[in-house]
Amino acid sequence: ALGQRLRKLLLEEDLFIHPLAELFLYHASRTQHVMERIKPLIKEGVVVICDRFMDSTFAYQGYGRGIDWNIIRSLDEISRQGLKPHITFLIDIEPEVGLSRHSGRNLDRLERESLDFHRAVREGYLELARLEPERFRILKGDEPIEHIHSIILKVVKDLGL
């Protein structure tokens, strides 16, 4: 419940949030999610899939907002409680194309950011993938969703997850 409220505040509210405050709020949400949901599920032997996790903070707050990665890394280590994804699928697409898919719907606070911001975020994700090629699988976001889905399923099955 706390994580959902923080997400609503961070994404849906139309207010200025200082980049450092934004960083702390995302880490508070992640800590709550890890302690309340992810760790208990892992203890039960459940495979946990997240649509966003630690890499989003490095890309958005690091590259997008310009916050030093050392600051992010310190908070990240605390909020993840030692957990790290076995595999990360980066569905890569040009920001112009990705943003054009949002036409006709209300955009959240981050989606309303400038094209330069979204280009920087993409570069952040690609840099993370370059730094950890053994964990990342980069998929083309302009492929049909069924094709992307089949690749993800195959990789996960091949890993025995």
Protein backbone atom coordinates (compact mmCIF):
# COMPACT_ATOMS: atom_id res chain seq x y z
CA ALA A 1 0.00 0.00 0.00
CA LEU A 2 2.81 2.43 0.83
CA GLY A 3 4.60 1.71 -2.44
CA GLN A 4 1.41 2.31 -4.42
CA ARG A 5 0.81 5.61 -2.66
CA LEU A 6 4.38 6.74 -3.28
CA ARG A 7 4.11 5.72 -6.94
CA LYS A 8 0.93 7.75 -7.28
CA LEU A 9 2.63 10.75 -5.70
CA LEU A 10 5.70 10.36 -7.91
CA LEU A 11 3.91 9.78 -11.20
CA GLU A 12 0.37 11.08 -11.07
CA GLU A 13 0.65 14.24 -9.03
CA ASP A 14 1.37 17.42 -10.92
CA LEU A 15 3.93 18.95 -8.59
CA PHE A 16 7.60 19.77 -8.57
CA ILE A 17 9.68 17.13 -6.80
CA HIS A 18 13.35 17.93 -6.30
CA PRO A 19 15.54 15.25 -7.95
CA LEU A 20 17.05 14.15 -4.62
CA ALA A 21 13.63 13.95 -2.98
CA GLU A 22 12.44 11.92 -5.97
CA LEU A 23 15.40 9.58 -5.51
CA PHE A 24 14.65 9.07 -1.81
CA LEU A 25 10.96 8.43 -2.50
CA TYR A 26 11.75 5.79 -5.12
CA HIS A 27 14.15 4.09 -2.73
CA ALA A 28 11.57 4.21 0.06
CA SER A 29 9.06 2.56 -2.27
CA ARG A 30 11.61 -0.09 -3.32
CA THR A 31 12.58 -0.85 0.28
CA GLN A 32 8.94 -1.35 1.21
CA HIS A 33 8.33 -3.54 -1.84
CA VAL A 34 11.43 -5.67 -1.19
CA MET A 35 10.66 -6.20 2.49
CA GLU A 36 6.90 -6.64 2.17
CA ARG A 37 6.57 -8.59 -1.08
CA ILE A 38 9.75 -9.75 -2.80
CA LYS A 39 11.74 -11.25 0.09
CA PRO A 40 8.80 -13.26 1.48
CA LEU A 41 8.02 -14.65 -1.98
CA ILE A 42 11.63 -15.63 -2.59
CA LYS A 43 11.66 -17.39 0.81
CA GLU A 44 8.71 -19.44 -0.45
CA GLY A 45 10.64 -20.39 -3.58
CA VAL A 46 8.59 -18.20 -5.91
CA VAL A 47 10.17 -16.68 -9.02
CA VAL A 48 9.60 -12.93 -8.80
CA ILE A 49 9.20 -10.82 -11.92
CA CYS A 50 9.25 -7.02 -11.71
CA ASP A 51 8.49 -4.63 -14.53
CA ARG A 52 10.95 -2.11 -13.05
CA PHE A 53 13.57 -2.37 -10.35
CA MET A 54 17.01 -0.99 -9.53
CA ASP A 55 18.05 -0.18 -13.11
CA SER A 56 15.21 2.29 -13.52
CA THR A 57 16.63 4.44 -10.74
CA PHE A 58 20.08 4.53 -12.31
CA ALA A 59 18.59 5.40 -15.72
CA TYR A 60 15.96 7.93 -14.62
CA GLN A 61 17.53 9.60 -11.62
CA GLY A 62 21.15 9.03 -12.67
CA TYR A 63 21.12 9.77 -16.37
CA GLY A 64 17.81 11.62 -16.59
CA ARG A 65 18.18 13.80 -13.50
CA GLY A 66 21.97 13.87 -13.32
CA ILE A 67 22.35 12.50 -9.80
CA ASP A 68 25.75 10.98 -9.08
CA TRP A 69 25.70 7.19 -9.48
CA ASN A 70 27.69 6.75 -6.26
CA ILE A 71 24.84 8.32 -4.29
CA ILE A 72 22.31 6.13 -6.10
CA ARG A 73 24.45 3.01 -5.62
CA SER A 74 24.71 3.58 -1.84
CA LEU A 75 20.95 3.96 -1.44
CA ASP A 76 20.32 1.11 -3.87
CA GLU A 77 22.38 -1.36 -1.85
CA ILE A 78 20.35 -0.51 1.25
CA SER A 79 16.94 -0.63 -0.43
CA ARG A 80 17.54 -3.91 -2.31
CA GLN A 81 18.68 -5.73 0.82
CA GLY A 82 21.20 -7.78 -1.16
CA LEU A 83 18.76 -8.81 -3.87
CA LYS A 84 19.73 -8.51 -7.52
CA PRO A 85 17.91 -9.73 -10.62
CA HIS A 86 19.22 -12.87 -12.27
CA ILE A 87 18.24 -11.48 -15.65
CA THR A 88 17.03 -8.16 -16.97
CA PHE A 89 15.21 -7.69 -20.25
CA LEU A 90 15.76 -4.26 -21.72
CA ILE A 91 13.11 -3.61 -24.35
CA ASP A 92 14.88 -0.86 -26.26
CA ILE A 93 13.15 1.63 -28.51
CA GLU A 94 13.90 5.11 -29.77
CA PRO A 95 12.31 7.62 -27.36
CA GLU A 96 10.41 9.33 -30.17
CA VAL A 97 8.73 6.05 -31.11
CA GLY A 98 8.02 5.04 -27.53
CA LEU A 99 6.50 8.39 -26.67
CA SER A 100 4.37 8.40 -29.82
CA ARG A 101 2.68 5.24 -28.52
CA HIS A 102 1.31 7.28 -25.62
CA SER A 103 -0.70 9.65 -27.80
CA GLY A 104 -4.33 9.94 -26.81
CA ARG A 105 -3.85 9.13 -23.13
CA ASN A 106 -2.92 11.09 -20.06
CA LEU A 107 0.81 11.14 -19.50
CA ASP A 108 2.34 10.75 -16.07
CA ARG A 109 4.87 13.17 -14.61
CA LEU A 110 7.89 11.34 -16.07
CA GLU A 111 6.28 10.74 -19.46
CA ARG A 112 5.74 14.52 -19.74
CA GLU A 113 9.48 15.17 -19.48
CA SER A 114 11.41 16.50 -22.48
CA LEU A 115 12.64 14.36 -25.34
CA ASP A 116 16.21 15.07 -24.18
CA PHE A 117 15.34 13.61 -20.77
CA HIS A 118 14.01 10.43 -22.40
CA ARG A 119 17.08 10.16 -24.63
CA ALA A 120 19.29 10.44 -21.53
CA VAL A 121 17.25 7.75 -19.74
CA ARG A 122 17.64 5.42 -22.73
CA GLU A 123 21.40 6.03 -22.70
CA GLY A 124 21.42 5.18 -19.01
CA TYR A 125 19.75 1.84 -19.64
CA LEU A 126 22.10 1.05 -22.53
CA GLU A 127 25.11 1.95 -20.35
CA LEU A 128 23.86 -0.42 -17.63
CA ALA A 129 23.52 -3.16 -20.26
CA ARG A 130 27.11 -2.49 -21.42
CA LEU A 131 28.35 -2.69 -17.82
CA GLU A 132 26.57 -5.99 -17.09
CA PRO A 133 26.19 -7.87 -20.40
CA GLU A 134 25.83 -11.20 -18.58
CA ARG A 135 22.61 -10.00 -16.88
CA PHE A 136 21.01 -7.95 -19.63
CA ARG A 137 19.19 -9.14 -22.73
CA ILE A 138 18.45 -6.25 -25.08
CA LEU A 139 15.34 -6.75 -27.19
CA LYS A 140 14.13 -4.54 -30.02
CA GLY A 141 11.06 -2.66 -28.82
CA ASP A 142 9.78 -2.10 -32.35
CA GLU A 143 9.24 -5.84 -32.86
CA PRO A 144 5.71 -7.27 -32.51
CA ILE A 145 4.79 -7.87 -28.88
CA GLU A 146 4.21 -11.58 -29.57
CA HIS A 147 7.78 -11.91 -30.85
CA ILE A 148 9.22 -10.14 -27.79
CA HIS A 149 7.09 -12.33 -25.53
CA SER A 150 8.30 -15.53 -27.19
CA ILE A 151 11.95 -14.50 -26.84
CA ILE A 152 11.50 -13.72 -23.14
CA LEU A 153 9.76 -17.05 -22.53
CA LYS A 154 12.51 -18.96 -24.30
CA VAL A 155 15.30 -17.24 -22.36
CA VAL A 156 13.54 -17.78 -19.03
CA LYS A 157 12.89 -21.46 -19.84
CA ASP A 158 16.49 -21.95 -20.95
CA LEU A 159 17.64 -20.54 -17.61
CA GLY A 160 15.47 -23.04 -15.79
CA LEU A 161 13.46 -20.37 -14.06
